[in-house]
Amino acid sequence: MRSMLFVPGDSPRKFEKASEGKADALIIDLEDSVVTEKKPEARGLTLAMLKSRPGPHQLYIRVNALDTGLTLTDLAAVMPGKPDGIVLPKSQGGDDVRQVAT
């Protein structure tokens, strides 16, 4: 994988535009690019983006950090869309990764 492009999880229009590009992977962001009050809506939009699977891109999801208390809600919302991977921000080490994997 040579290139990854971050796309806000609350913007289907930006996702569509990014899907037309040549990045190897798109990282749909539920963390920094989405304001707190839009996070619930962004989860649903992100799932729809995952299910649409336009183009050859791998699709990753950047969830909210574990210390926010939002990570598990993010995962429950997007895992039915079978993302190619999860990006965990602010990870403190293996224990954080194991917690997300569980």
N, C-alpha and C. Protein backbone atom coordinates (compact mmCIF):
# COMPACT_ATOMS: atom_id res chain seq x y z
N MET A 1 0.86 -1.17 0.00
CA MET A 1 0.00 0.00 0.00
C MET A 1 0.90 1.24 0.00
N ARG A 2 0.66 2.13 -0.94
CA ARG A 2 1.50 3.31 -1.07
C ARG A 2 0.85 4.57 -0.55
N SER A 3 -0.47 4.67 -0.64
CA SER A 3 -1.11 5.93 -0.25
C SER A 3 -2.44 5.69 0.43
N MET A 4 -2.70 6.54 1.42
CA MET A 4 -3.96 6.49 2.17
C MET A 4 -4.52 7.91 2.23
N LEU A 5 -5.83 8.01 2.08
CA LEU A 5 -6.49 9.31 2.10
C LEU A 5 -7.57 9.29 3.18
N PHE A 6 -7.51 10.25 4.08
CA PHE A 6 -8.53 10.37 5.13
C PHE A 6 -9.75 11.08 4.57
N VAL A 7 -10.93 10.57 4.95
CA VAL A 7 -12.20 11.12 4.51
C VAL A 7 -13.10 11.27 5.74
N PRO A 8 -13.71 12.43 5.96
CA PRO A 8 -14.61 12.58 7.11
C PRO A 8 -15.79 11.61 7.03
N GLY A 9 -16.10 10.98 8.15
CA GLY A 9 -17.18 10.00 8.19
C GLY A 9 -18.57 10.60 8.08
N ASP A 10 -18.66 11.92 8.11
CA ASP A 10 -19.97 12.56 8.01
C ASP A 10 -20.18 13.23 6.66
N SER A 11 -19.37 12.86 5.65
CA SER A 11 -19.48 13.53 4.35
C SER A 11 -19.48 12.54 3.19
N PRO A 12 -20.66 12.02 2.83
CA PRO A 12 -20.73 11.14 1.67
C PRO A 12 -20.20 11.79 0.39
N ARG A 13 -20.37 13.09 0.26
CA ARG A 13 -19.88 13.80 -0.93
C ARG A 13 -18.36 13.72 -1.03
N LYS A 14 -17.67 13.92 0.08
CA LYS A 14 -16.21 13.85 0.08
C LYS A 14 -15.75 12.40 -0.13
N PHE A 15 -16.50 11.44 0.41
CA PHE A 15 -16.18 10.03 0.20
C PHE A 15 -16.30 9.68 -1.28
N GLU A 16 -17.36 10.15 -1.91
CA GLU A 16 -17.56 9.88 -3.34
C GLU A 16 -16.41 10.47 -4.16
N LYS A 17 -16.02 11.68 -3.84
CA LYS A 17 -14.92 12.33 -4.55
C LYS A 17 -13.61 11.56 -4.31
N ALA A 18 -13.35 11.17 -3.08
CA ALA A 18 -12.13 10.42 -2.76
C ALA A 18 -12.13 9.06 -3.46
N SER A 19 -13.30 8.47 -3.63
CA SER A 19 -13.41 7.17 -4.29
C SER A 19 -13.03 7.23 -5.76
N GLU A 20 -13.07 8.41 -6.33
CA GLU A 20 -12.69 8.60 -7.73
C GLU A 20 -11.18 8.75 -7.90
N GLY A 21 -10.48 8.92 -6.78
CA GLY A 21 -9.03 9.13 -6.83
C GLY A 21 -8.25 7.84 -6.90
N LYS A 22 -6.95 7.97 -6.80
CA LYS A 22 -6.06 6.83 -6.98
C LYS A 22 -5.39 6.36 -5.69
N ALA A 23 -5.85 6.83 -4.54
CA ALA A 23 -5.27 6.35 -3.28
C ALA A 23 -5.53 4.86 -3.14
N ASP A 24 -4.57 4.16 -2.55
CA ASP A 24 -4.73 2.72 -2.35
C ASP A 24 -5.77 2.40 -1.29
N ALA A 25 -5.88 3.27 -0.30
CA ALA A 25 -6.84 3.06 0.78
C ALA A 25 -7.49 4.37 1.17
N LEU A 26 -8.74 4.26 1.58
CA LEU A 26 -9.46 5.40 2.15
C LEU A 26 -9.67 5.09 3.62
N ILE A 27 -9.36 6.07 4.46
CA ILE A 27 -9.58 5.93 5.89
C ILE A 27 -10.75 6.83 6.24
N ILE A 28 -11.87 6.21 6.52
CA ILE A 28 -13.06 6.98 6.89
C ILE A 28 -12.93 7.33 8.36
N ASP A 29 -12.93 8.61 8.65
CA ASP A 29 -12.60 9.12 9.97
C ASP A 29 -13.83 9.43 10.80
N LEU A 30 -13.93 8.79 11.95
CA LEU A 30 -14.99 9.10 12.91
C LEU A 30 -14.46 9.93 14.07
N GLU A 31 -13.16 10.20 14.06
CA GLU A 31 -12.55 10.88 15.19
C GLU A 31 -12.50 12.39 14.99
N ASP A 32 -11.35 12.92 14.67
CA ASP A 32 -11.12 14.37 14.67
C ASP A 32 -11.93 15.15 13.64
N SER A 33 -12.27 14.54 12.53
CA SER A 33 -12.95 15.31 11.49
C SER A 33 -14.46 15.41 11.70
N VAL A 34 -14.96 14.76 12.75
CA VAL A 34 -16.41 14.78 13.01
C VAL A 34 -16.66 15.41 14.39
N VAL A 35 -17.45 16.48 14.41
CA VAL A 35 -17.78 17.13 15.68
C VAL A 35 -18.66 16.21 16.52
N THR A 36 -18.58 16.35 17.82
CA THR A 36 -19.24 15.45 18.76
C THR A 36 -20.72 15.23 18.47
N GLU A 37 -21.44 16.30 18.19
CA GLU A 37 -22.89 16.16 17.99
C GLU A 37 -23.24 15.44 16.69
N LYS A 38 -22.29 15.30 15.77
CA LYS A 38 -22.56 14.60 14.50
C LYS A 38 -22.05 13.16 14.49
N LYS A 39 -21.41 12.72 15.56
CA LYS A 39 -20.84 11.37 15.58
C LYS A 39 -21.88 10.27 15.39
N PRO A 40 -23.04 10.32 16.04
CA PRO A 40 -24.04 9.27 15.78
C PRO A 40 -24.46 9.20 14.30
N GLU A 41 -24.69 10.33 13.69
CA GLU A 41 -25.05 10.36 12.27
C GLU A 41 -23.89 9.84 11.41
N ALA A 42 -22.67 10.22 11.77
CA ALA A 42 -21.49 9.80 11.00
C ALA A 42 -21.32 8.29 11.02
N ARG A 43 -21.67 7.64 12.12
CA ARG A 43 -21.56 6.17 12.18
C ARG A 43 -22.45 5.53 11.12
N GLY A 44 -23.68 5.99 11.01
CA GLY A 44 -24.59 5.44 10.01
C GLY A 44 -24.14 5.73 8.59
N LEU A 45 -23.64 6.94 8.35
CA LEU A 45 -23.14 7.29 7.03
C LEU A 45 -21.90 6.46 6.68
N THR A 46 -21.06 6.24 7.67
CA THR A 46 -19.85 5.44 7.46
C THR A 46 -20.21 4.02 7.09
N LEU A 47 -21.18 3.45 7.76
CA LEU A 47 -21.62 2.09 7.42
C LEU A 47 -22.12 2.05 5.98
N ALA A 48 -22.88 3.04 5.58
CA ALA A 48 -23.37 3.09 4.19
C ALA A 48 -22.21 3.20 3.21
N MET A 49 -21.20 3.99 3.55
CA MET A 49 -20.02 4.11 2.69
C MET A 49 -19.31 2.76 2.56
N LEU A 50 -19.16 2.07 3.67
CA LEU A 50 -18.53 0.74 3.64
C LEU A 50 -19.29 -0.22 2.74
N LYS A 51 -20.59 -0.20 2.88
CA LYS A 51 -21.42 -1.14 2.11
C LYS A 51 -21.44 -0.81 0.62
N SER A 52 -21.19 0.45 0.27
CA SER A 52 -21.21 0.82 -1.14
C SER A 52 -19.97 0.35 -1.89
N ARG A 53 -18.85 0.29 -1.22
CA ARG A 53 -17.58 -0.21 -1.76
C ARG A 53 -17.29 0.24 -3.19
N PRO A 54 -17.28 1.53 -3.47
CA PRO A 54 -16.96 1.96 -4.83
C PRO A 54 -15.46 1.84 -5.09
N GLY A 55 -15.10 1.37 -6.23
CA GLY A 55 -13.69 1.33 -6.61
C GLY A 55 -12.89 0.24 -5.92
N PRO A 56 -11.60 0.22 -6.22
CA PRO A 56 -10.72 -0.84 -5.73
C PRO A 56 -10.08 -0.54 -4.38
N HIS A 57 -10.44 0.54 -3.75
CA HIS A 57 -9.77 0.98 -2.53
C HIS A 57 -10.02 0.04 -1.36
N GLN A 58 -8.99 -0.12 -0.53
CA GLN A 58 -9.22 -0.73 0.78
C GLN A 58 -9.89 0.35 1.63
N LEU A 59 -10.78 -0.08 2.51
CA LEU A 59 -11.51 0.87 3.36
C LEU A 59 -11.21 0.58 4.83
N TYR A 60 -10.63 1.57 5.48
CA TYR A 60 -10.32 1.49 6.90
C TYR A 60 -11.19 2.50 7.64
N ILE A 61 -11.41 2.25 8.92
CA ILE A 61 -12.17 3.18 9.76
C ILE A 61 -11.28 3.65 10.90
N ARG A 62 -11.16 4.96 11.05
CA ARG A 62 -10.48 5.49 12.24
C ARG A 62 -11.56 5.78 13.26
N VAL A 63 -11.54 4.99 14.32
CA VAL A 63 -12.50 5.13 15.40
C VAL A 63 -12.01 6.19 16.38
N ASN A 64 -12.86 6.54 17.31
CA ASN A 64 -12.47 7.45 18.38
C ASN A 64 -11.58 6.71 19.37
N ALA A 65 -10.67 7.44 19.99
CA ALA A 65 -9.72 6.86 20.94
C ALA A 65 -10.44 6.20 22.12
N LEU A 66 -9.78 5.22 22.70
CA LEU A 66 -10.38 4.48 23.82
C LEU A 66 -10.75 5.38 24.99
N ASP A 67 -9.97 6.40 25.26
CA ASP A 67 -10.25 7.26 26.41
C ASP A 67 -11.47 8.16 26.23
N THR A 68 -12.10 8.13 25.06
CA THR A 68 -13.30 8.95 24.83
C THR A 68 -14.58 8.22 25.25
N GLY A 69 -14.50 6.90 25.38
CA GLY A 69 -15.69 6.12 25.68
C GLY A 69 -16.57 5.88 24.47
N LEU A 70 -16.11 6.25 23.28
CA LEU A 70 -16.91 6.12 22.06
C LEU A 70 -16.45 4.97 21.15
N THR A 71 -15.33 4.37 21.46
CA THR A 71 -14.72 3.37 20.57
C THR A 71 -15.63 2.18 20.32
N LEU A 72 -16.16 1.60 21.37
CA LEU A 72 -16.99 0.40 21.20
C LEU A 72 -18.27 0.70 20.44
N THR A 73 -18.85 1.86 20.65
CA THR A 73 -20.03 2.27 19.88
C THR A 73 -19.68 2.43 18.41
N ASP A 74 -18.51 3.02 18.14
CA ASP A 74 -18.04 3.14 16.75
C ASP A 74 -17.90 1.76 16.12
N LEU A 75 -17.23 0.86 16.82
CA LEU A 75 -17.00 -0.48 16.27
C LEU A 75 -18.31 -1.23 16.02
N ALA A 76 -19.22 -1.16 16.98
CA ALA A 76 -20.51 -1.85 16.82
C ALA A 76 -21.26 -1.33 15.59
N ALA A 77 -21.12 -0.05 15.31
CA ALA A 77 -21.83 0.54 14.19
C ALA A 77 -21.23 0.19 12.84
N VAL A 78 -19.91 0.06 12.76
CA VAL A 78 -19.27 -0.10 11.45
C VAL A 78 -18.86 -1.52 11.10
N MET A 79 -18.70 -2.39 12.07
CA MET A 79 -18.22 -3.75 11.77
C MET A 79 -19.14 -4.53 10.84
N PRO A 80 -20.47 -4.31 10.86
CA PRO A 80 -21.31 -5.00 9.87
C PRO A 80 -20.93 -4.67 8.42
N GLY A 81 -20.25 -3.56 8.19
CA GLY A 81 -19.81 -3.17 6.86
C GLY A 81 -18.50 -3.82 6.43
N LYS A 82 -17.92 -4.62 7.31
CA LYS A 82 -16.69 -5.38 7.03
C LYS A 82 -15.54 -4.50 6.51
N PRO A 83 -15.10 -3.54 7.34
CA PRO A 83 -13.96 -2.72 6.92
C PRO A 83 -12.71 -3.58 6.77
N ASP A 84 -11.78 -3.13 5.96
CA ASP A 84 -10.52 -3.85 5.78
C ASP A 84 -9.62 -3.72 7.00
N GLY A 85 -9.88 -2.74 7.84
CA GLY A 85 -9.08 -2.57 9.04
C GLY A 85 -9.60 -1.42 9.87
N ILE A 86 -9.08 -1.35 11.09
CA ILE A 86 -9.44 -0.30 12.04
C ILE A 86 -8.18 0.49 12.36
N VAL A 87 -8.29 1.80 12.37
CA VAL A 87 -7.20 2.68 12.79
C VAL A 87 -7.55 3.17 14.19
N LEU A 88 -6.68 2.85 15.14
CA LEU A 88 -6.91 3.22 16.54
C LEU A 88 -6.00 4.38 16.92
N PRO A 89 -6.55 5.57 17.07
CA PRO A 89 -5.72 6.72 17.43
C PRO A 89 -5.32 6.69 18.90
N LYS A 90 -4.19 7.28 19.17
CA LYS A 90 -3.71 7.47 20.54
C LYS A 90 -3.56 6.16 21.30
N SER A 91 -3.23 5.10 20.60
CA SER A 91 -3.03 3.80 21.24
C SER A 91 -1.83 3.87 22.19
N GLN A 92 -2.01 3.27 23.36
CA GLN A 92 -0.94 3.26 24.36
C GLN A 92 -0.14 1.97 24.34
N GLY A 93 -0.50 1.04 23.45
CA GLY A 93 0.26 -0.19 23.35
C GLY A 93 -0.62 -1.39 23.08
N GLY A 94 -0.03 -2.56 23.27
CA GLY A 94 -0.69 -3.82 22.96
C GLY A 94 -2.00 -4.04 23.69
N ASP A 95 -2.10 -3.60 24.93
CA ASP A 95 -3.35 -3.79 25.68
C ASP A 95 -4.51 -3.06 25.00
N ASP A 96 -4.25 -1.88 24.47
CA ASP A 96 -5.30 -1.15 23.76
C ASP A 96 -5.72 -1.90 22.51
N VAL A 97 -4.76 -2.43 21.79
CA VAL A 97 -5.07 -3.16 20.56
C VAL A 97 -5.86 -4.42 20.90
N ARG A 98 -5.46 -5.13 21.95
CA ARG A 98 -6.20 -6.34 22.35
C ARG A 98 -7.63 -6.00 22.77
N GLN A 99 -7.82 -4.87 23.44
CA GLN A 99 -9.16 -4.47 23.85
C GLN A 99 -10.04 -4.22 22.63
N VAL A 100 -9.51 -3.56 21.61
CA VAL A 100 -10.29 -3.31 20.39
C VAL A 100 -10.55 -4.62 19.65
N ALA A 101 -9.58 -5.50 19.62
CA ALA A 101 -9.74 -6.79 18.93
C ALA A 101 -10.82 -7.64 19.58
N THR A 102 -10.95 -7.52 20.88
CA THR A 102 -11.99 -8.29 21.59
C THR A 102 -13.36 -7.79 21.23
